[in-house]
Protein backbone atom coordinates (compact mmCIF):
# COMPACT_ATOMS: atom_id res chain seq x y z
CA MET A 1 -0.10 0.00 -0.08
CA ALA A 2 1.52 3.64 -1.12
CA GLU A 3 2.51 5.56 1.87
CA GLU A 4 0.52 8.93 2.62
CA LEU A 5 2.34 11.73 3.88
CA ARG A 6 0.93 15.11 5.11
CA THR A 7 2.66 18.62 4.21
CA LYS A 8 2.11 22.33 4.08
CA VAL A 9 3.99 22.56 0.93
CA CYS A 10 4.66 20.13 -1.69
CA ILE A 11 6.89 20.85 -4.43
CA ILE A 12 7.14 19.12 -7.61
CA GLY A 13 10.17 19.81 -9.56
CA SER A 14 14.24 19.95 -8.84
CA GLY A 15 15.85 22.59 -11.10
CA PRO A 16 16.74 26.14 -9.77
CA ALA A 17 12.82 27.24 -9.27
CA GLY A 18 11.85 23.91 -7.21
CA HIS A 19 14.65 24.25 -4.86
CA THR A 20 14.66 27.92 -4.33
CA ALA A 21 11.35 27.40 -3.41
CA ALA A 22 12.44 24.90 -1.21
CA ILE A 23 14.95 26.47 0.52
CA TYR A 24 12.58 29.55 1.31
CA ALA A 25 9.79 27.03 2.57
CA ALA A 26 12.05 25.33 4.89
CA ARG A 27 13.33 28.18 6.33
CA ALA A 28 9.82 29.54 6.80
CA GLU A 29 9.53 26.29 8.88
CA LEU A 30 7.05 24.77 6.41
CA LYS A 31 8.32 21.28 6.07
CA PRO A 32 8.18 21.38 2.32
CA ILE A 33 8.29 17.88 0.66
CA MET A 34 9.82 17.95 -2.75
CA PHE A 35 9.30 14.97 -5.65
CA GLU A 36 12.32 15.73 -7.49
CA GLY A 37 11.63 12.97 -10.18
CA PHE A 38 13.24 9.93 -11.61
CA LEU A 39 14.40 10.75 -15.13
CA ALA A 40 11.33 12.67 -15.33
CA ASN A 41 10.98 13.81 -19.26
CA ASP A 42 14.30 11.65 -19.78
CA VAL A 43 16.26 14.15 -18.04
CA ALA A 44 17.82 13.80 -14.71
CA ALA A 45 16.61 15.24 -11.63
CA GLY A 46 17.68 18.94 -11.26
CA GLY A 47 16.18 19.38 -15.02
CA GLN A 48 17.74 21.15 -18.03
CA LEU A 49 20.81 22.52 -16.10
CA THR A 50 21.75 19.11 -15.68
CA THR A 51 22.54 18.90 -19.39
CA THR A 52 24.62 22.04 -19.60
CA THR A 53 28.46 21.97 -18.99
CA ASP A 54 29.83 25.19 -17.85
CA VAL A 55 27.19 27.48 -16.28
CA GLU A 56 29.09 31.19 -16.72
CA ASN A 57 25.88 33.29 -15.97
CA PHE A 58 24.64 32.73 -12.34
CA PRO A 59 25.90 34.92 -9.69
CA GLY A 60 28.35 33.79 -7.12
CA PHE A 61 30.54 31.61 -9.66
CA PRO A 62 33.10 33.87 -11.09
CA GLU A 63 34.98 30.59 -12.56
CA GLY A 64 31.83 29.00 -13.75
CA VAL A 65 30.57 26.04 -12.39
CA LEU A 66 29.21 22.62 -14.20
CA GLY A 67 25.55 22.36 -14.28
CA ALA A 68 25.36 19.01 -12.47
CA GLU A 69 27.17 20.39 -9.80
CA ILE A 70 25.23 23.23 -9.28
CA CYS A 71 22.00 21.44 -9.02
CA GLU A 72 23.98 19.43 -6.43
CA ARG A 73 24.83 22.22 -4.27
CA PHE A 74 20.90 23.19 -4.87
CA ARG A 75 19.92 19.98 -3.49
CA LYS A 76 22.28 19.99 -0.38
CA GLN A 77 20.85 23.57 0.53
CA SER A 78 17.38 22.52 0.19
CA GLU A 79 18.21 19.39 2.60
CA ARG A 80 20.08 21.63 4.95
CA PHE A 81 17.16 23.37 5.75
CA GLY A 82 15.11 20.37 6.15
CA THR A 83 13.17 19.69 2.78
CA GLN A 84 12.27 15.95 2.33
CA ILE A 85 13.01 14.84 -0.95
CA PHE A 86 11.95 11.98 -2.68
CA THR A 87 13.58 10.85 -6.11
CA GLU A 88 10.58 9.78 -7.89
CA THR A 89 7.98 11.18 -10.68
CA VAL A 90 4.78 12.41 -9.95
CA THR A 91 2.06 10.44 -11.84
CA LYS A 92 -1.18 12.30 -10.94
CA VAL A 93 -2.18 15.27 -8.70
CA ASP A 94 -5.77 16.09 -7.88
CA THR A 95 -6.47 19.82 -7.47
CA THR A 96 -10.59 19.35 -7.02
CA ALA A 97 -10.55 18.99 -3.57
CA ARG A 98 -8.51 20.38 -0.31
CA PRO A 99 -6.22 19.45 0.70
CA PHE A 100 -4.79 18.80 -2.49
CA LYS A 101 -3.48 15.10 -3.31
CA VAL A 102 0.35 14.70 -5.17
CA GLN A 103 0.99 10.99 -5.89
CA SER A 104 4.00 8.91 -7.34
CA LYS A 105 4.19 5.39 -7.50
CA ASP A 106 5.12 4.64 -4.50
CA ARG A 107 3.45 7.31 -1.80
CA THR A 108 0.71 10.11 -1.46
CA VAL A 109 1.19 13.62 -0.35
CA VAL A 110 -1.39 15.43 0.79
CA ALA A 111 -0.66 19.20 0.90
CA ASP A 112 -2.35 22.69 1.73
CA THR A 113 -0.43 24.18 -1.19
CA ILE A 114 1.34 22.68 -4.50
CA ILE A 115 4.45 24.65 -6.25
CA ILE A 116 4.78 23.33 -9.37
CA ALA A 117 8.43 23.68 -10.79
CA THR A 118 8.53 20.83 -13.51
CA GLY A 119 10.35 22.92 -16.24
CA ALA A 120 10.50 22.84 -20.03
CA VAL A 121 12.22 20.52 -22.19
CA ALA A 122 14.05 21.59 -25.21
CA LYS A 123 13.19 20.16 -28.44
CA ARG A 124 15.90 18.34 -30.27
CA LEU A 125 16.36 17.00 -34.03
CA HIS A 126 17.54 13.39 -33.81
CA PHE A 127 20.27 12.37 -36.80
CA PRO A 128 23.94 10.87 -37.10
CA GLY A 129 26.22 12.57 -34.51
CA SER A 130 23.36 15.04 -32.65
CA GLY A 131 23.42 12.39 -29.51
CA GLU A 132 24.92 12.04 -26.27
CA GLY A 133 27.80 9.40 -25.96
CA GLU A 134 30.05 7.86 -28.35
CA GLY A 135 29.83 9.34 -31.88
CA GLY A 136 27.55 12.22 -30.48
CA PHE A 137 28.34 15.65 -29.86
CA TRP A 138 25.66 16.46 -27.54
CA GLN A 139 27.28 19.14 -25.35
CA ARG A 140 30.37 18.63 -27.06
CA GLY A 141 29.42 21.58 -29.86
CA ILE A 142 25.76 20.71 -29.98
CA SER A 143 23.44 22.64 -27.54
CA ALA A 144 19.65 23.79 -27.13
CA CYS A 145 20.39 27.11 -24.96
CA ALA A 146 22.41 29.90 -27.35
CA VAL A 147 22.23 32.19 -24.38
CA CYS A 148 23.50 29.42 -21.79
CA ASP A 149 26.46 28.33 -23.85
CA GLY A 150 27.07 30.82 -26.59
CA ALA A 151 29.79 32.46 -24.88
CA ALA A 152 32.17 29.51 -24.42
CA PRO A 153 35.61 29.59 -25.47
CA ILE A 154 34.98 26.61 -27.85
CA PHE A 155 32.63 28.75 -29.93
CA ARG A 156 34.42 32.12 -30.29
CA ASN A 157 35.41 33.68 -33.33
CA LYS A 158 34.11 30.22 -34.96
CA PRO A 159 31.21 29.54 -37.23
CA LEU A 160 28.24 28.49 -35.94
CA VAL A 161 24.84 26.72 -36.84
CA VAL A 162 21.39 27.64 -35.59
CA ILE A 163 18.36 25.23 -36.58
CA GLY A 164 15.07 26.98 -36.65
CA GLY A 165 12.65 29.39 -38.27
CA GLY A 166 10.86 31.09 -35.66
CA ASP A 167 11.38 34.27 -33.23
CA SER A 168 13.67 32.16 -30.86
CA ALA A 169 16.25 31.18 -34.00
CA MET A 170 16.51 34.51 -35.03
CA GLU A 171 17.12 35.96 -31.37
CA GLU A 172 19.60 33.26 -30.52
CA ALA A 173 21.45 33.77 -33.97
CA THR A 174 21.75 37.37 -33.41
CA PHE A 175 22.96 36.68 -29.86
CA LEU A 176 25.95 34.41 -31.31
CA THR A 177 26.86 36.98 -33.69
CA LYS A 178 28.82 38.43 -30.60
CA TYR A 179 31.00 35.70 -30.55
CA ALA A 180 31.18 33.81 -33.72
CA SER A 181 33.00 34.39 -37.02
CA LYS A 182 29.63 33.40 -39.07
CA VAL A 183 26.34 32.19 -38.10
CA TYR A 184 24.15 30.05 -40.35
CA ILE A 185 20.55 29.80 -40.02
CA VAL A 186 19.10 26.14 -41.22
CA HIS A 187 15.61 26.22 -41.77
CA ARG A 188 13.68 23.52 -43.70
CA ARG A 189 11.02 25.85 -45.26
CA ASP A 190 11.55 28.77 -48.00
CA GLU A 191 9.84 31.42 -45.75
CA LEU A 192 10.60 31.87 -42.09
CA ARG A 193 8.09 31.88 -39.13
CA ALA A 194 9.60 34.75 -37.27
CA SER A 195 7.99 37.98 -36.94
CA LYS A 196 8.89 40.75 -39.23
CA ILE A 197 11.03 42.68 -37.10
CA MET A 198 13.08 39.68 -36.02
CA GLN A 199 13.30 38.46 -39.61
CA HIS A 200 14.88 42.07 -40.48
CA ARG A 201 16.89 42.12 -37.46
CA ALA A 202 18.74 38.94 -38.53
CA MET A 203 18.60 39.57 -42.23
CA SER A 204 20.31 43.34 -41.83
CA ASN A 205 22.96 41.32 -39.74
CA PRO A 206 26.46 40.87 -41.82
CA LYS A 207 27.28 37.66 -39.88
CA ILE A 208 24.36 35.71 -40.57
CA GLU A 209 23.58 33.52 -43.67
CA PHE A 210 20.07 31.84 -44.29
CA LEU A 211 20.22 28.10 -45.69
CA TYR A 212 16.42 27.72 -46.51
CA SER A 213 14.68 24.70 -47.47
CA SER A 214 17.47 22.90 -45.62
CA GLU A 215 18.03 20.34 -43.19
CA VAL A 216 21.05 19.30 -40.99
CA VAL A 217 21.35 15.43 -41.53
CA GLU A 218 24.80 14.64 -39.97
CA ALA A 219 27.10 16.21 -37.33
CA LYS A 220 31.02 15.32 -37.56
CA GLY A 221 34.05 15.85 -35.66
CA ASP A 222 36.58 14.53 -33.18
CA ASP A 223 36.36 15.29 -29.64
CA LEU A 224 34.20 18.57 -30.77
CA LEU A 225 32.02 19.30 -33.43
CA ARG A 226 33.71 20.27 -36.43
CA SER A 227 31.22 20.65 -39.30
CA VAL A 228 27.77 19.47 -40.22
CA MET A 229 25.99 18.03 -43.37
CA VAL A 230 23.52 20.06 -44.52
CA LYS A 231 20.93 18.64 -47.40
CA ASP A 232 18.94 21.19 -49.91
CA LYS A 233 15.58 19.49 -49.69
CA LYS A 234 14.56 20.71 -53.14
CA THR A 235 17.62 19.82 -55.18
CA GLY A 236 18.49 16.73 -52.73
CA GLU A 237 22.08 17.75 -52.98
CA THR A 238 24.24 17.58 -49.56
CA ARG A 239 27.09 19.80 -48.54
CA GLU A 240 29.40 19.79 -45.77
CA VAL A 241 29.49 23.48 -43.71
CA GLU A 242 32.31 23.99 -41.26
CA ALA A 243 30.63 24.55 -37.67
CA ASN A 244 32.12 24.47 -34.42
CA GLY A 245 28.66 25.12 -32.83
CA LEU A 246 25.09 23.79 -33.41
CA PHE A 247 22.19 25.38 -31.50
CA PHE A 248 18.85 24.02 -31.56
CA ALA A 249 16.13 26.54 -31.40
CA ILE A 250 12.81 24.86 -32.57
CA GLY A 251 11.03 25.21 -29.65
CA HIS A 252 10.22 23.84 -25.76
CA LYS A 253 7.86 21.58 -24.33
CA PRO A 254 6.63 22.56 -21.00
CA ALA A 255 6.38 19.30 -18.50
CA SER A 256 2.57 20.15 -17.60
CA ASP A 257 1.07 17.10 -18.98
CA PHE A 258 0.66 15.43 -15.83
CA LEU A 259 -1.44 17.89 -14.58
CA GLU A 260 -4.44 16.35 -17.29
CA GLY A 261 -6.31 20.10 -17.86
CA GLN A 262 -6.39 20.80 -13.96
CA LEU A 263 -4.72 24.25 -14.48
CA GLU A 264 -5.07 26.78 -17.03
CA THR A 265 -2.66 26.70 -19.57
CA ASP A 266 -1.70 28.27 -22.82
CA THR A 267 -2.12 26.56 -26.14
CA ASP A 268 1.65 25.48 -25.98
CA GLY A 269 0.79 23.81 -22.44
CA TYR A 270 2.67 26.53 -20.67
CA ILE A 271 0.98 27.11 -16.88
CA VAL A 272 -0.63 30.38 -17.23
CA THR A 273 -0.21 32.42 -13.90
CA LYS A 274 -1.65 35.67 -12.95
CA PRO A 275 0.61 38.58 -14.01
CA GLY A 276 3.38 39.62 -11.67
CA THR A 277 2.91 36.45 -9.53
CA THR A 278 3.30 32.67 -9.46
CA GLN A 279 -0.72 32.07 -8.59
CA THR A 280 -2.34 29.54 -11.30
CA SER A 281 -5.75 29.34 -11.97
CA VAL A 282 -6.38 27.30 -8.81
CA GLU A 283 -5.87 29.19 -5.36
CA GLY A 284 -3.10 27.67 -3.37
CA VAL A 285 -1.29 26.41 -6.66
CA PHE A 286 1.67 28.27 -7.81
CA ALA A 287 3.89 27.91 -10.61
CA ALA A 288 7.73 28.61 -11.07
CA GLY A 289 10.53 28.17 -13.33
CA ASP A 290 10.28 27.29 -17.04
CA VAL A 291 7.01 25.77 -17.05
CA GLN A 292 5.38 28.92 -16.89
CA ASP A 293 8.07 30.83 -18.54
CA LYS A 294 8.10 30.79 -22.46
CA LYS A 295 10.58 33.85 -22.74
CA TRP A 296 13.43 34.06 -20.73
CA ARG A 297 14.03 30.33 -19.65
CA GLN A 298 17.22 30.80 -17.52
CA ALA A 299 18.45 29.59 -14.44
CA VAL A 300 18.63 32.88 -12.39
CA THR A 301 15.01 33.73 -13.48
CA ALA A 302 13.54 30.59 -12.70
CA ALA A 303 15.18 30.79 -9.31
CA GLY A 304 13.41 34.31 -8.73
CA THR A 305 9.89 32.69 -9.52
CA GLY A 306 10.81 30.06 -7.10
CA CYS A 307 11.41 32.28 -4.46
CA MET A 308 7.96 34.40 -5.08
CA ALA A 309 6.13 30.99 -5.42
CA ALA A 310 7.49 30.01 -1.77
CA LEU A 311 6.64 33.35 -0.52
CA GLU A 312 3.11 33.52 -1.97
CA ALA A 313 2.44 30.10 -0.75
CA GLU A 314 3.47 31.20 2.61
CA HIS A 315 0.99 34.20 2.69
CA TYR A 316 -1.69 31.83 1.41
CA LEU A 317 -1.18 29.65 4.50
CA ALA A 318 -1.07 32.54 6.74
CA ALA A 319 -4.12 33.59 5.39
CA MET A 320 -6.16 30.28 5.88
CA ASN A 321 -4.91 30.03 9.49
CA ASP A 322 -6.38 33.35 10.00
CA GLN A 323 -9.81 32.69 8.80
């Protein structure tokens, strides 16, 4: 029989948003319980940050820090203040009755408030050389976050490739021109999906070249990425393009499916929060980090909303006690 636990605050997710919420909630003596996930969305506990090598834009680490290391530090700090952490993935949430119920395969947590910090997973394409492990260049030249990784030494003054045709692709390509010698935008169609202003900004940048109706079919290199094979979809011809970096900019998928429509989301599945807050459509349920942020998606902004969620949960609980 599954174990049942009781808490004032249940946190779902274990990235910078989830752990910041846990630290604040634990220091407020709310005794939070966290489900950190077990390979949820095929990502280790800690989320997208664990897939990043050097994190150089998080305050307090002037020499940079490995993504996996900073996630482990987050975890230790949460535990230090008394957060109870389960390495389990939430399978079901019931927000229709109070107190709320959060379930994994092994236990049920009955909670007065829930903080959802399950993040969003960057979409990636799969072709020879795009993966991890032997023969793959993921995090050895291939990334899904130009803002996170683009300033790394391996990309400076080198040709880079961005895959995508939307606003994110234009924005990331423009960002990369600060460091790259040249940036290729590879798009599978002959027209961009990006807004006119973002198109104009990218097209007017002399460092950016567009490869329309094209797709990357292979990544090649030695210990690091050195080139990509690009196929012209109209002619069928394939050519090798020198590239020391490749960045996927084809969108993200927020990890909100497990909610089964109980909270308001936008058309892409991001949880809708009241502007300026982490409050969701259900009173007492809060959302923090990338699961509710489709624009910035940075570790430091996620941490900020994690702080907000914990403080809002604390205020909500205090108001409940006053009734």
